[in-house]
Amino acid sequence: MSLPFIFLIISNCFMTLAWYGHLKYLHDAPLWQAILFSWIIALLEYSFMIPATRILDAHGWSLGQMKITQEAMTLIVFVPFMLLLFKQPLKLDYLWAGFCLLGCVYFVFRSQN
């Protein structure tokens, strides 16, 4: 069952790069190049996200459970990306936001009904 989570992490690495990588690597490029760069990377993201959601669906996960889990994975991937690649400062509010997201995970999995 760990395979979908590995796929989600890989997927979120690609998606974070697609969404924000152009700001670092193509900052002065024309908009069309940034869009093309992002869409090519997003295709790789879909190549991992689709199998992950199909596996989770086959194990009986609801759409809400899949989405909240994906959002938690996004935060897990985004914070190191923000700190290491963009050299952004770590703020205590990010920790609180992470706890709120963990609360979302708790509530979406709390009841199986």
PDB file of N, CA and C in Angstrom:
ATOM      1  N   MET A   1       0.818  -1.203   0.000  1.00  0.00           N
ATOM      2  CA  MET A   1       0.000   0.000   0.000  1.00  0.00           C
ATOM      3  C   MET A   1       0.858   1.262   0.000  1.00  0.00           C
ATOM      4  N   SER A   2       2.157   1.132   0.165  1.00  0.00           N
ATOM      5  CA  SER A   2       3.013   2.327   0.198  1.00  0.00           C
ATOM      6  C   SER A   2       3.264   2.898  -1.200  1.00  0.00           C
ATOM      7  N   LEU A   3       3.050   2.108  -2.231  1.00  0.00           N
ATOM      8  CA  LEU A   3       3.303   2.574  -3.598  1.00  0.00           C
ATOM      9  C   LEU A   3       2.519   3.841  -3.949  1.00  0.00           C
ATOM     10  N   PRO A   4       1.225   3.942  -3.623  1.00  0.00           N
ATOM     11  CA  PRO A   4       0.529   5.180  -3.980  1.00  0.00           C
ATOM     12  C   PRO A   4       1.107   6.409  -3.273  1.00  0.00           C
ATOM     13  N   PHE A   5       1.625   6.241  -2.060  1.00  0.00           N
ATOM     14  CA  PHE A   5       2.207   7.376  -1.343  1.00  0.00           C
ATOM     15  C   PHE A   5       3.533   7.799  -1.959  1.00  0.00           C
ATOM     16  N   ILE A   6       4.294   6.844  -2.426  1.00  0.00           N
ATOM     17  CA  ILE A   6       5.531   7.167  -3.155  1.00  0.00           C
ATOM     18  C   ILE A   6       5.177   7.914  -4.438  1.00  0.00           C
ATOM     19  N   PHE A   7       4.161   7.418  -5.140  1.00  0.00           N
ATOM     20  CA  PHE A   7       3.698   8.101  -6.360  1.00  0.00           C
ATOM     21  C   PHE A   7       3.208   9.520  -6.058  1.00  0.00           C
ATOM     22  N   LEU A   8       2.496   9.690  -4.930  1.00  0.00           N
ATOM     23  CA  LEU A   8       2.007  11.021  -4.567  1.00  0.00           C
ATOM     24  C   LEU A   8       3.154  11.988  -4.278  1.00  0.00           C
ATOM     25  N   ILE A   9       4.187  11.508  -3.625  1.00  0.00           N
ATOM     26  CA  ILE A   9       5.347  12.369  -3.345  1.00  0.00           C
ATOM     27  C   ILE A   9       6.040  12.757  -4.643  1.00  0.00           C
ATOM     28  N   ILE A  10       6.263  11.784  -5.516  1.00  0.00           N
ATOM     29  CA  ILE A  10       6.896  12.077  -6.812  1.00  0.00           C
ATOM     30  C   ILE A  10       6.021  13.042  -7.609  1.00  0.00           C
ATOM     31  N   SER A  11       4.734  12.766  -7.640  1.00  0.00           N
ATOM     32  CA  SER A  11       3.791  13.613  -8.356  1.00  0.00           C
ATOM     33  C   SER A  11       3.845  15.050  -7.847  1.00  0.00           C
ATOM     34  N   ASN A  12       3.858  15.213  -6.538  1.00  0.00           N
ATOM     35  CA  ASN A  12       3.898  16.554  -5.964  1.00  0.00           C
ATOM     36  C   ASN A  12       5.228  17.249  -6.198  1.00  0.00           C
ATOM     37  N   CYS A  13       6.308  16.505  -6.292  1.00  0.00           N
ATOM     38  CA  CYS A  13       7.601  17.120  -6.654  1.00  0.00           C
ATOM     39  C   CYS A  13       7.509  17.733  -8.048  1.00  0.00           C
ATOM     40  N   PHE A  14       6.964  16.975  -8.982  1.00  0.00           N
ATOM     41  CA  PHE A  14       6.805  17.498 -10.343  1.00  0.00           C
ATOM     42  C   PHE A  14       5.836  18.676 -10.387  1.00  0.00           C
ATOM     43  N   MET A  15       4.726  18.563  -9.661  1.00  0.00           N
ATOM     44  CA  MET A  15       3.734  19.632  -9.717  1.00  0.00           C
ATOM     45  C   MET A  15       4.265  20.910  -9.090  1.00  0.00           C
ATOM     46  N   THR A  16       4.981  20.800  -7.988  1.00  0.00           N
ATOM     47  CA  THR A  16       5.562  21.985  -7.363  1.00  0.00           C
ATOM     48  C   THR A  16       6.563  22.637  -8.294  1.00  0.00           C
ATOM     49  N   LEU A  17       7.357  21.821  -8.958  1.00  0.00           N
ATOM     50  CA  LEU A  17       8.298  22.364  -9.936  1.00  0.00           C
ATOM     51  C   LEU A  17       7.562  23.015 -11.102  1.00  0.00           C
ATOM     52  N   ALA A  18       6.484  22.401 -11.551  1.00  0.00           N
ATOM     53  CA  ALA A  18       5.711  22.978 -12.664  1.00  0.00           C
ATOM     54  C   ALA A  18       5.093  24.312 -12.262  1.00  0.00           C
ATOM     55  N   TRP A  19       4.557  24.385 -11.071  1.00  0.00           N
ATOM     56  CA  TRP A  19       3.882  25.605 -10.633  1.00  0.00           C
ATOM     57  C   TRP A  19       4.845  26.736 -10.312  1.00  0.00           C
ATOM     58  N   TYR A  20       5.989  26.415  -9.719  1.00  0.00           N
ATOM     59  CA  TYR A  20       6.869  27.465  -9.215  1.00  0.00           C
ATOM     60  C   TYR A  20       8.279  27.469  -9.808  1.00  0.00           C
ATOM     61  N   GLY A  21       8.685  26.390 -10.461  1.00  0.00           N
ATOM     62  CA  GLY A  21      10.039  26.304 -11.010  1.00  0.00           C
ATOM     63  C   GLY A  21      10.341  27.360 -12.052  1.00  0.00           C
ATOM     64  N   HIS A  22       9.335  27.754 -12.816  1.00  0.00           N
ATOM     65  CA  HIS A  22       9.563  28.776 -13.845  1.00  0.00           C
ATOM     66  C   HIS A  22       9.970  30.111 -13.228  1.00  0.00           C
ATOM     67  N   LEU A  23       9.578  30.348 -11.970  1.00  0.00           N
ATOM     68  CA  LEU A  23       9.965  31.598 -11.308  1.00  0.00           C
ATOM     69  C   LEU A  23      11.475  31.652 -11.062  1.00  0.00           C
ATOM     70  N   LYS A  24      12.082  30.489 -10.872  1.00  0.00           N
ATOM     71  CA  LYS A  24      13.527  30.434 -10.639  1.00  0.00           C
ATOM     72  C   LYS A  24      14.302  30.224 -11.929  1.00  0.00           C
ATOM     73  N   TYR A  25      13.840  29.310 -12.759  1.00  0.00           N
ATOM     74  CA  TYR A  25      14.617  28.901 -13.925  1.00  0.00           C
ATOM     75  C   TYR A  25      14.282  29.668 -15.203  1.00  0.00           C
ATOM     76  N   LEU A  26      13.092  30.209 -15.291  1.00  0.00           N
ATOM     77  CA  LEU A  26      12.680  30.926 -16.502  1.00  0.00           C
ATOM     78  C   LEU A  26      12.134  32.307 -16.161  1.00  0.00           C
ATOM     79  N   HIS A  27      12.687  32.914 -15.155  1.00  0.00           N
ATOM     80  CA  HIS A  27      12.172  34.197 -14.655  1.00  0.00           C
ATOM     81  C   HIS A  27      12.090  35.266 -15.738  1.00  0.00           C
ATOM     82  N   ASP A  28      13.080  35.342 -16.604  1.00  0.00           N
ATOM     83  CA  ASP A  28      13.110  36.361 -17.650  1.00  0.00           C
ATOM     84  C   ASP A  28      12.618  35.860 -19.005  1.00  0.00           C
ATOM     85  N   ALA A  29      12.179  34.621 -19.059  1.00  0.00           N
ATOM     86  CA  ALA A  29      11.697  34.045 -20.324  1.00  0.00           C
ATOM     87  C   ALA A  29      10.304  34.577 -20.647  1.00  0.00           C
ATOM     88  N   PRO A  30       9.931  34.538 -21.920  1.00  0.00           N
ATOM     89  CA  PRO A  30       8.568  34.925 -22.282  1.00  0.00           C
ATOM     90  C   PRO A  30       7.547  34.003 -21.603  1.00  0.00           C
ATOM     91  N   LEU A  31       6.358  34.532 -21.422  1.00  0.00           N
ATOM     92  CA  LEU A  31       5.304  33.786 -20.736  1.00  0.00           C
ATOM     93  C   LEU A  31       5.019  32.452 -21.418  1.00  0.00           C
ATOM     94  N   TRP A  32       5.018  32.409 -22.736  1.00  0.00           N
ATOM     95  CA  TRP A  32       4.689  31.169 -23.434  1.00  0.00           C
ATOM     96  C   TRP A  32       5.703  30.070 -23.109  1.00  0.00           C
ATOM     97  N   GLN A  33       6.978  30.448 -22.914  1.00  0.00           N
ATOM     98  CA  GLN A  33       7.990  29.452 -22.559  1.00  0.00           C
ATOM     99  C   GLN A  33       7.767  28.929 -21.145  1.00  0.00           C
ATOM    100  N   ALA A  34       7.393  29.814 -20.244  1.00  0.00           N
ATOM    101  CA  ALA A  34       7.104  29.386 -18.870  1.00  0.00           C
ATOM    102  C   ALA A  34       5.910  28.434 -18.845  1.00  0.00           C
ATOM    103  N   ILE A  35       4.888  28.754 -19.634  1.00  0.00           N
ATOM    104  CA  ILE A  35       3.706  27.886 -19.701  1.00  0.00           C
ATOM    105  C   ILE A  35       4.067  26.535 -20.301  1.00  0.00           C
ATOM    106  N   LEU A  36       4.824  26.530 -21.378  1.00  0.00           N
ATOM    107  CA  LEU A  36       5.227  25.272 -22.009  1.00  0.00           C
ATOM    108  C   LEU A  36       6.079  24.432 -21.047  1.00  0.00           C
ATOM    109  N   PHE A  37       7.040  25.065 -20.394  1.00  0.00           N
ATOM    110  CA  PHE A  37       7.883  24.401 -19.390  1.00  0.00           C
ATOM    111  C   PHE A  37       7.004  23.738 -18.325  1.00  0.00           C
ATOM    112  N   SER A  38       6.030  24.506 -17.824  1.00  0.00           N
ATOM    113  CA  SER A  38       5.172  24.002 -16.754  1.00  0.00           C
ATOM    114  C   SER A  38       4.292  22.851 -17.221  1.00  0.00           C
ATOM    115  N   TRP A  39       3.751  22.934 -18.427  1.00  0.00           N
ATOM    116  CA  TRP A  39       2.883  21.869 -18.921  1.00  0.00           C
ATOM    117  C   TRP A  39       3.638  20.581 -19.206  1.00  0.00           C
ATOM    118  N   ILE A  40       4.856  20.693 -19.653  1.00  0.00           N
ATOM    119  CA  ILE A  40       5.667  19.482 -19.886  1.00  0.00           C
ATOM    120  C   ILE A  40       5.926  18.776 -18.560  1.00  0.00           C
ATOM    121  N   ILE A  41       6.251  19.551 -17.543  1.00  0.00           N
ATOM    122  CA  ILE A  41       6.487  18.958 -16.223  1.00  0.00           C
ATOM    123  C   ILE A  41       5.187  18.416 -15.636  1.00  0.00           C
ATOM    124  N   ALA A  42       4.076  19.132 -15.847  1.00  0.00           N
ATOM    125  CA  ALA A  42       2.781  18.675 -15.329  1.00  0.00           C
ATOM    126  C   ALA A  42       2.386  17.328 -15.938  1.00  0.00           C
ATOM    127  N   LEU A  43       2.789  17.071 -17.166  1.00  0.00           N
ATOM    128  CA  LEU A  43       2.515  15.770 -17.774  1.00  0.00           C
ATOM    129  C   LEU A  43       3.181  14.654 -16.969  1.00  0.00           C
ATOM    130  N   LEU A  44       4.388  14.914 -16.491  1.00  0.00           N
ATOM    131  CA  LEU A  44       5.059  13.933 -15.630  1.00  0.00           C
ATOM    132  C   LEU A  44       4.301  13.765 -14.313  1.00  0.00           C
ATOM    133  N   GLU A  45       3.781  14.885 -13.797  1.00  0.00           N
ATOM    134  CA  GLU A  45       2.995  14.826 -12.557  1.00  0.00           C
ATOM    135  C   GLU A  45       1.795  13.909 -12.729  1.00  0.00           C
ATOM    136  N   TYR A  46       1.080  14.073 -13.826  1.00  0.00           N
ATOM    137  CA  TYR A  46      -0.104  13.238 -14.082  1.00  0.00           C
ATOM    138  C   TYR A  46       0.271  11.765 -14.220  1.00  0.00           C
ATOM    139  N   SER A  47       1.459  11.488 -14.722  1.00  0.00           N
ATOM    140  CA  SER A  47       1.902  10.103 -14.907  1.00  0.00           C
ATOM    141  C   SER A  47       2.063   9.370 -13.577  1.00  0.00           C
ATOM    142  N   PHE A  48       2.185  10.117 -12.488  1.00  0.00           N
ATOM    143  CA  PHE A  48       2.273   9.502 -11.164  1.00  0.00           C
ATOM    144  C   PHE A  48       0.978   9.676 -10.365  1.00  0.00           C
ATOM    145  N   MET A  49       0.298  10.793 -10.551  1.00  0.00           N
ATOM    146  CA  MET A  49      -0.929  11.056  -9.783  1.00  0.00           C
ATOM    147  C   MET A  49      -2.051  10.107 -10.178  1.00  0.00           C
ATOM    148  N   ILE A  50      -2.228   9.871 -11.464  1.00  0.00           N
ATOM    149  CA  ILE A  50      -3.324   9.014 -11.921  1.00  0.00           C
ATOM    150  C   ILE A  50      -3.179   7.587 -11.381  1.00  0.00           C
ATOM    151  N   PRO A  51      -2.002   6.955 -11.492  1.00  0.00           N
ATOM    152  CA  PRO A  51      -1.889   5.614 -10.897  1.00  0.00           C
ATOM    153  C   PRO A  51      -2.096   5.613  -9.379  1.00  0.00           C
ATOM    154  N   ALA A  52      -1.615   6.661  -8.700  1.00  0.00           N
ATOM    155  CA  ALA A  52      -1.789   6.724  -7.245  1.00  0.00           C
ATOM    156  C   ALA A  52      -3.269   6.754  -6.878  1.00  0.00           C
ATOM    157  N   THR A  53      -4.039   7.595  -7.571  1.00  0.00           N
ATOM    158  CA  THR A  53      -5.461   7.684  -7.236  1.00  0.00           C
ATOM    159  C   THR A  53      -6.216   6.421  -7.627  1.00  0.00           C
ATOM    160  N   ARG A  54      -5.804   5.778  -8.690  1.00  0.00           N
ATOM    161  CA  ARG A  54      -6.463   4.517  -9.067  1.00  0.00           C
ATOM    162  C   ARG A  54      -6.204   3.426  -8.033  1.00  0.00           C
ATOM    163  N   ILE A  55      -4.975   3.376  -7.514  1.00  0.00           N
ATOM    164  CA  ILE A  55      -4.653   2.375  -6.485  1.00  0.00           C
ATOM    165  C   ILE A  55      -5.460   2.659  -5.220  1.00  0.00           C
ATOM    166  N   LEU A  56      -5.499   3.928  -4.809  1.00  0.00           N
ATOM    167  CA  LEU A  56      -6.250   4.279  -3.600  1.00  0.00           C
ATOM    168  C   LEU A  56      -7.737   4.017  -3.782  1.00  0.00           C
ATOM    169  N   ASP A  57      -8.256   4.299  -4.961  1.00  0.00           N
ATOM    170  CA  ASP A  57      -9.661   4.012  -5.249  1.00  0.00           C
ATOM    171  C   ASP A  57      -9.937   2.515  -5.155  1.00  0.00           C
ATOM    172  N   ALA A  58      -9.020   1.712  -5.667  1.00  0.00           N
ATOM    173  CA  ALA A  58      -9.180   0.257  -5.619  1.00  0.00           C
ATOM    174  C   ALA A  58      -9.158  -0.266  -4.180  1.00  0.00           C
ATOM    175  N   HIS A  59      -8.531   0.499  -3.277  1.00  0.00           N
ATOM    176  CA  HIS A  59      -8.501   0.113  -1.864  1.00  0.00           C
ATOM    177  C   HIS A  59      -9.651   0.738  -1.075  1.00  0.00           C
ATOM    178  N   GLY A  60     -10.610   1.353  -1.777  1.00  0.00           N
ATOM    179  CA  GLY A  60     -11.816   1.838  -1.128  1.00  0.00           C
ATOM    180  C   GLY A  60     -11.747   3.246  -0.555  1.00  0.00           C
ATOM    181  N   TRP A  61     -10.726   4.021  -0.927  1.00  0.00           N
ATOM    182  CA  TRP A  61     -10.639   5.394  -0.423  1.00  0.00           C
ATOM    183  C   TRP A  61     -11.688   6.263  -1.113  1.00  0.00           C
ATOM    184  N   SER A  62     -12.246   7.206  -0.351  1.00  0.00           N
ATOM    185  CA  SER A  62     -13.196   8.148  -0.938  1.00  0.00           C
ATOM    186  C   SER A  62     -12.421   9.266  -1.640  1.00  0.00           C
ATOM    187  N   LEU A  63     -13.134  10.033  -2.462  1.00  0.00           N
ATOM    188  CA  LEU A  63     -12.492  11.166  -3.133  1.00  0.00           C
ATOM    189  C   LEU A  63     -11.970  12.178  -2.126  1.00  0.00           C
ATOM    190  N   GLY A  64     -12.737  12.411  -1.059  1.00  0.00           N
ATOM    191  CA  GLY A  64     -12.292  13.338  -0.021  1.00  0.00           C
ATOM    192  C   GLY A  64     -11.014  12.879   0.648  1.00  0.00           C
ATOM    193  N   GLN A  65     -10.924  11.606   0.946  1.00  0.00           N
ATOM    194  CA  GLN A  65      -9.705  11.056   1.555  1.00  0.00           C
ATOM    195  C   GLN A  65      -8.508  11.199   0.615  1.00  0.00           C
ATOM    196  N   MET A  66      -8.741  10.926  -0.664  1.00  0.00           N
ATOM    197  CA  MET A  66      -7.639  11.059  -1.628  1.00  0.00           C
ATOM    198  C   MET A  66      -7.190  12.505  -1.742  1.00  0.00           C
ATOM    199  N   LYS A  67      -8.126  13.441  -1.804  1.00  0.00           N
ATOM    200  CA  LYS A  67      -7.778  14.851  -1.986  1.00  0.00           C
ATOM    201  C   LYS A  67      -7.059  15.414  -0.764  1.00  0.00           C
ATOM    202  N   ILE A  68      -7.557  15.140   0.426  1.00  0.00           N
ATOM    203  CA  ILE A  68      -6.912  15.652   1.630  1.00  0.00           C
ATOM    204  C   ILE A  68      -5.518  15.042   1.781  1.00  0.00           C
ATOM    205  N   THR A  69      -5.367  13.766   1.476  1.00  0.00           N
ATOM    206  CA  THR A  69      -4.045  13.133   1.527  1.00  0.00           C
ATOM    207  C   THR A  69      -3.111  13.791   0.524  1.00  0.00           C
ATOM    208  N   GLN A  70      -3.601  14.069  -0.680  1.00  0.00           N
ATOM    209  CA  GLN A  70      -2.789  14.721  -1.700  1.00  0.00           C
ATOM    210  C   GLN A  70      -2.367  16.112  -1.228  1.00  0.00           C
ATOM    211  N   GLU A  71      -3.262  16.842  -0.574  1.00  0.00           N
ATOM    212  CA  GLU A  71      -2.926  18.179  -0.074  1.00  0.00           C
ATOM    213  C   GLU A  71      -1.877  18.102   1.025  1.00  0.00           C
ATOM    214  N   ALA A  72      -1.974  17.100   1.890  1.00  0.00           N
ATOM    215  CA  ALA A  72      -0.955  16.919   2.933  1.00  0.00           C
ATOM    216  C   ALA A  72       0.402  16.620   2.296  1.00  0.00           C
ATOM    217  N   MET A  73       0.404  15.783   1.267  1.00  0.00           N
ATOM    218  CA  MET A  73       1.647  15.488   0.550  1.00  0.00           C
ATOM    219  C   MET A  73       2.207  16.746  -0.110  1.00  0.00           C
ATOM    220  N   THR A  74       1.321  17.592  -0.618  1.00  0.00           N
ATOM    221  CA  THR A  74       1.762  18.847  -1.234  1.00  0.00           C
ATOM    222  C   THR A  74       2.544  19.685  -0.238  1.00  0.00           C
ATOM    223  N   LEU A  75       2.043  19.795   0.978  1.00  0.00           N
ATOM    224  CA  LEU A  75       2.738  20.574   2.002  1.00  0.00           C
ATOM    225  C   LEU A  75       4.067  19.935   2.373  1.00  0.00           C
ATOM    226  N   ILE A  76       4.089  18.615   2.474  1.00  0.00           N
ATOM    227  CA  ILE A  76       5.328  17.901   2.804  1.00  0.00           C
ATOM    228  C   ILE A  76       6.396  18.167   1.745  1.00  0.00           C
ATOM    229  N   VAL A  77       5.994  18.237   0.491  1.00  0.00           N
ATOM    230  CA  VAL A  77       6.935  18.490  -0.602  1.00  0.00           C
ATOM    231  C   VAL A  77       7.257  19.975  -0.722  1.00  0.00           C
ATOM    232  N   PHE A  78       6.253  20.830  -0.551  1.00  0.00           N
ATOM    233  CA  PHE A  78       6.447  22.253  -0.810  1.00  0.00           C
ATOM    234  C   PHE A  78       7.387  22.928   0.183  1.00  0.00           C
ATOM    235  N   VAL A  79       7.298  22.583   1.446  1.00  0.00           N
ATOM    236  CA  VAL A  79       8.124  23.271   2.449  1.00  0.00           C
ATOM    237  C   VAL A  79       9.615  23.085   2.165  1.00  0.00           C
ATOM    238  N   PRO A  80      10.117  21.868   1.962  1.00  0.00           N
ATOM    239  CA  PRO A  80      11.549  21.756   1.616  1.00  0.00           C
ATOM    240  C   PRO A  80      11.892  22.462   0.296  1.00  0.00           C
ATOM    241  N   PHE A  81      10.989  22.390  -0.681  1.00  0.00           N
ATOM    242  CA  PHE A  81      11.192  23.071  -1.962  1.00  0.00           C
ATOM    243  C   PHE A  81      11.363  24.567  -1.729  1.00  0.00           C
ATOM    244  N   MET A  82      10.492  25.133  -0.921  1.00  0.00           N
ATOM    245  CA  MET A  82      10.523  26.559  -0.624  1.00  0.00           C
ATOM    246  C   MET A  82      11.805  26.941   0.125  1.00  0.00           C
ATOM    247  N   LEU A  83      12.195  26.120   1.070  1.00  0.00           N
ATOM    248  CA  LEU A  83      13.373  26.419   1.884  1.00  0.00           C
ATOM    249  C   LEU A  83      14.674  26.228   1.115  1.00  0.00           C
ATOM    250  N   LEU A  84      14.791  25.120   0.407  1.00  0.00           N
ATOM    251  CA  LEU A  84      16.055  24.765  -0.233  1.00  0.00           C
ATOM    252  C   LEU A  84      16.250  25.425  -1.593  1.00  0.00           C
ATOM    253  N   LEU A  85      15.232  25.418  -2.421  1.00  0.00           N
ATOM    254  CA  LEU A  85      15.391  25.940  -3.772  1.00  0.00           C
ATOM    255  C   LEU A  85      15.220  27.455  -3.835  1.00  0.00           C
ATOM    256  N   PHE A  86      14.256  27.967  -3.085  1.00  0.00           N
ATOM    257  CA  PHE A  86      13.980  29.400  -3.140  1.00  0.00           C
ATOM    258  C   PHE A  86      14.542  30.182  -1.961  1.00  0.00           C
ATOM    259  N   LYS A  87      15.159  29.469  -1.020  1.00  0.00           N
ATOM    260  CA  LYS A  87      15.809  30.103   0.139  1.00  0.00           C
ATOM    261  C   LYS A  87      14.849  31.010   0.907  1.00  0.00           C
ATOM    262  N   GLN A  88      13.597  30.584   1.014  1.00  0.00           N
ATOM    263  CA  GLN A  88      12.614  31.343   1.772  1.00  0.00           C
ATOM    264  C   GLN A  88      12.769  31.018   3.255  1.00  0.00           C
ATOM    265  N   PRO A  89      12.484  31.983   4.125  1.00  0.00           N
ATOM    266  CA  PRO A  89      12.616  31.707   5.564  1.00  0.00           C
ATOM    267  C   PRO A  89      11.488  30.797   6.053  1.00  0.00           C
ATOM    268  N   LEU A  90      11.814  29.976   7.030  1.00  0.00           N
ATOM    269  CA  LEU A  90      10.815  29.122   7.663  1.00  0.00           C
ATOM    270  C   LEU A  90      10.134  29.938   8.758  1.00  0.00           C
ATOM    271  N   LYS A  91       8.814  29.963   8.728  1.00  0.00           N
ATOM    272  CA  LYS A  91       8.049  30.735   9.707  1.00  0.00           C
ATOM    273  C   LYS A  91       7.237  29.792  10.570  1.00  0.00           C
ATOM    274  N   LEU A  92       7.018  30.185  11.797  1.00  0.00           N
ATOM    275  CA  LEU A  92       6.237  29.378  12.717  1.00  0.00           C
ATOM    276  C   LEU A  92       4.814  29.163  12.196  1.00  0.00           C
ATOM    277  N   ASP A  93       4.297  30.123  11.446  1.00  0.00           N
ATOM    278  CA  ASP A  93       2.947  29.983  10.890  1.00  0.00           C
ATOM    279  C   ASP A  93       2.839  28.791   9.946  1.00  0.00           C
ATOM    280  N   TYR A  94       3.938  28.403   9.291  1.00  0.00           N
ATOM    281  CA  TYR A  94       3.912  27.222   8.426  1.00  0.00           C
ATOM    282  C   TYR A  94       3.680  25.956   9.265  1.00  0.00           C
ATOM    283  N   LEU A  95       4.257  25.933  10.445  1.00  0.00           N
ATOM    284  CA  LEU A  95       4.040  24.802  11.346  1.00  0.00           C
ATOM    285  C   LEU A  95       2.572  24.734  11.755  1.00  0.00           C
ATOM    286  N   TRP A  96       1.991  25.872  12.119  1.00  0.00           N
ATOM    287  CA  TRP A  96       0.576  25.893  12.503  1.00  0.00           C
ATOM    288  C   TRP A  96      -0.299  25.475  11.324  1.00  0.00           C
ATOM    289  N   ALA A  97       0.020  25.935  10.141  1.00  0.00           N
ATOM    290  CA  ALA A  97      -0.736  25.539   8.953  1.00  0.00           C
ATOM    291  C   ALA A  97      -0.648  24.024   8.752  1.00  0.00           C
ATOM    292  N   GLY A  98       0.532  23.474   8.977  1.00  0.00           N
ATOM    293  CA  GLY A  98       0.708  22.026   8.870  1.00  0.00           C
ATOM    294  C   GLY A  98      -0.149  21.273   9.871  1.00  0.00           C
ATOM    295  N   PHE A  99      -0.235  21.790  11.098  1.00  0.00           N
ATOM    296  CA  PHE A  99      -1.102  21.164  12.099  1.00  0.00           C
ATOM    297  C   PHE A  99      -2.572  21.231  11.688  1.00  0.00           C
ATOM    298  N   CYS A 100      -2.972  22.350  11.085  1.00  0.00           N
ATOM    299  CA  CYS A 100      -4.351  22.456  10.596  1.00  0.00           C
ATOM    300  C   CYS A 100      -4.619  21.406   9.521  1.00  0.00           C
ATOM    301  N   LEU A 101      -3.647  21.208   8.640  1.00  0.00           N
ATOM    302  CA  LEU A 101      -3.812  20.208   7.585  1.00  0.00           C
ATOM    303  C   LEU A 101      -3.864  18.801   8.180  1.00  0.00           C
ATOM    304  N   LEU A 102      -3.075  18.554   9.211  1.00  0.00           N
ATOM    305  CA  LEU A 102      -3.169  17.257   9.891  1.00  0.00           C
ATOM    306  C   LEU A 102      -4.558  17.063  10.496  1.00  0.00           C
ATOM    307  N   GLY A 103      -5.147  18.161  10.978  1.00  0.00           N
ATOM    308  CA  GLY A 103      -6.520  18.086  11.465  1.00  0.00           C
ATOM    309  C   GLY A 103      -7.478  17.696  10.355  1.00  0.00           C
ATOM    310  N   CYS A 104      -7.264  18.234   9.166  1.00  0.00           N
ATOM    311  CA  CYS A 104      -8.088  17.856   8.009  1.00  0.00           C
ATOM    312  C   CYS A 104      -7.963  16.365   7.734  1.00  0.00           C
ATOM    313  N   VAL A 105      -6.748  15.867   7.777  1.00  0.00           N
ATOM    314  CA  VAL A 105      -6.523  14.435   7.546  1.00  0.00           C
ATOM    315  C   VAL A 105      -7.263  13.622   8.605  1.00  0.00           C
ATOM    316  N   TYR A 106      -7.142  14.050   9.845  1.00  0.00           N
ATOM    317  CA  TYR A 106      -7.834  13.332  10.926  1.00  0.00           C
ATOM    318  C   TYR A 106      -9.335  13.273  10.660  1.00  0.00           C
ATOM    319  N   PHE A 107      -9.951  14.429  10.373  1.00  0.00           N
ATOM    320  CA  PHE A 107     -11.403  14.458  10.223  1.00  0.00           C
ATOM    321  C   PHE A 107     -11.882  13.696   9.000  1.00  0.00           C
ATOM    322  N   VAL A 108     -11.133  13.703   7.919  1.00  0.00           N
ATOM    323  CA  VAL A 108     -11.600  13.000   6.723  1.00  0.00           C
ATOM    324  C   VAL A 108     -11.489  11.476   6.881  1.00  0.00           C
ATOM    325  N   PHE A 109     -10.585  11.025   7.772  1.00  0.00           N
ATOM    326  CA  PHE A 109     -10.442   9.585   7.994  1.00  0.00           C
ATOM    327  C   PHE A 109     -11.139   9.114   9.279  1.00  0.00           C
ATOM    328  N   ARG A 110     -11.642  10.029  10.070  1.00  0.00           N
ATOM    329  CA  ARG A 110     -12.227   9.691  11.378  1.00  0.00           C
ATOM    330  C   ARG A 110     -13.402   8.746  11.236  1.00  0.00           C
ATOM    331  N   SER A 111     -14.243   8.982  10.296  1.00  0.00           N
ATOM    332  CA  SER A 111     -15.435   8.163  10.113  1.00  0.00           C
ATOM    333  C   SER A 111     -15.379   7.489   8.757  1.00  0.00           C
ATOM    334  N   GLN A 112     -15.636   6.238   8.723  1.00  0.00           N
ATOM    335  CA  GLN A 112     -15.616   5.504   7.445  1.00  0.00           C
ATOM    336  C   GLN A 112     -16.993   5.494   6.796  1.00  0.00           C
ATOM    337  N   ASN A 113     -17.980   6.190   7.364  1.00  0.00           N
ATOM    338  CA  ASN A 113     -19.334   6.229   6.788  1.00  0.00           C
ATOM    339  C   ASN A 113     -19.437   7.246   5.704  1.00  0.00           C
TER     340      ASN A 113
END
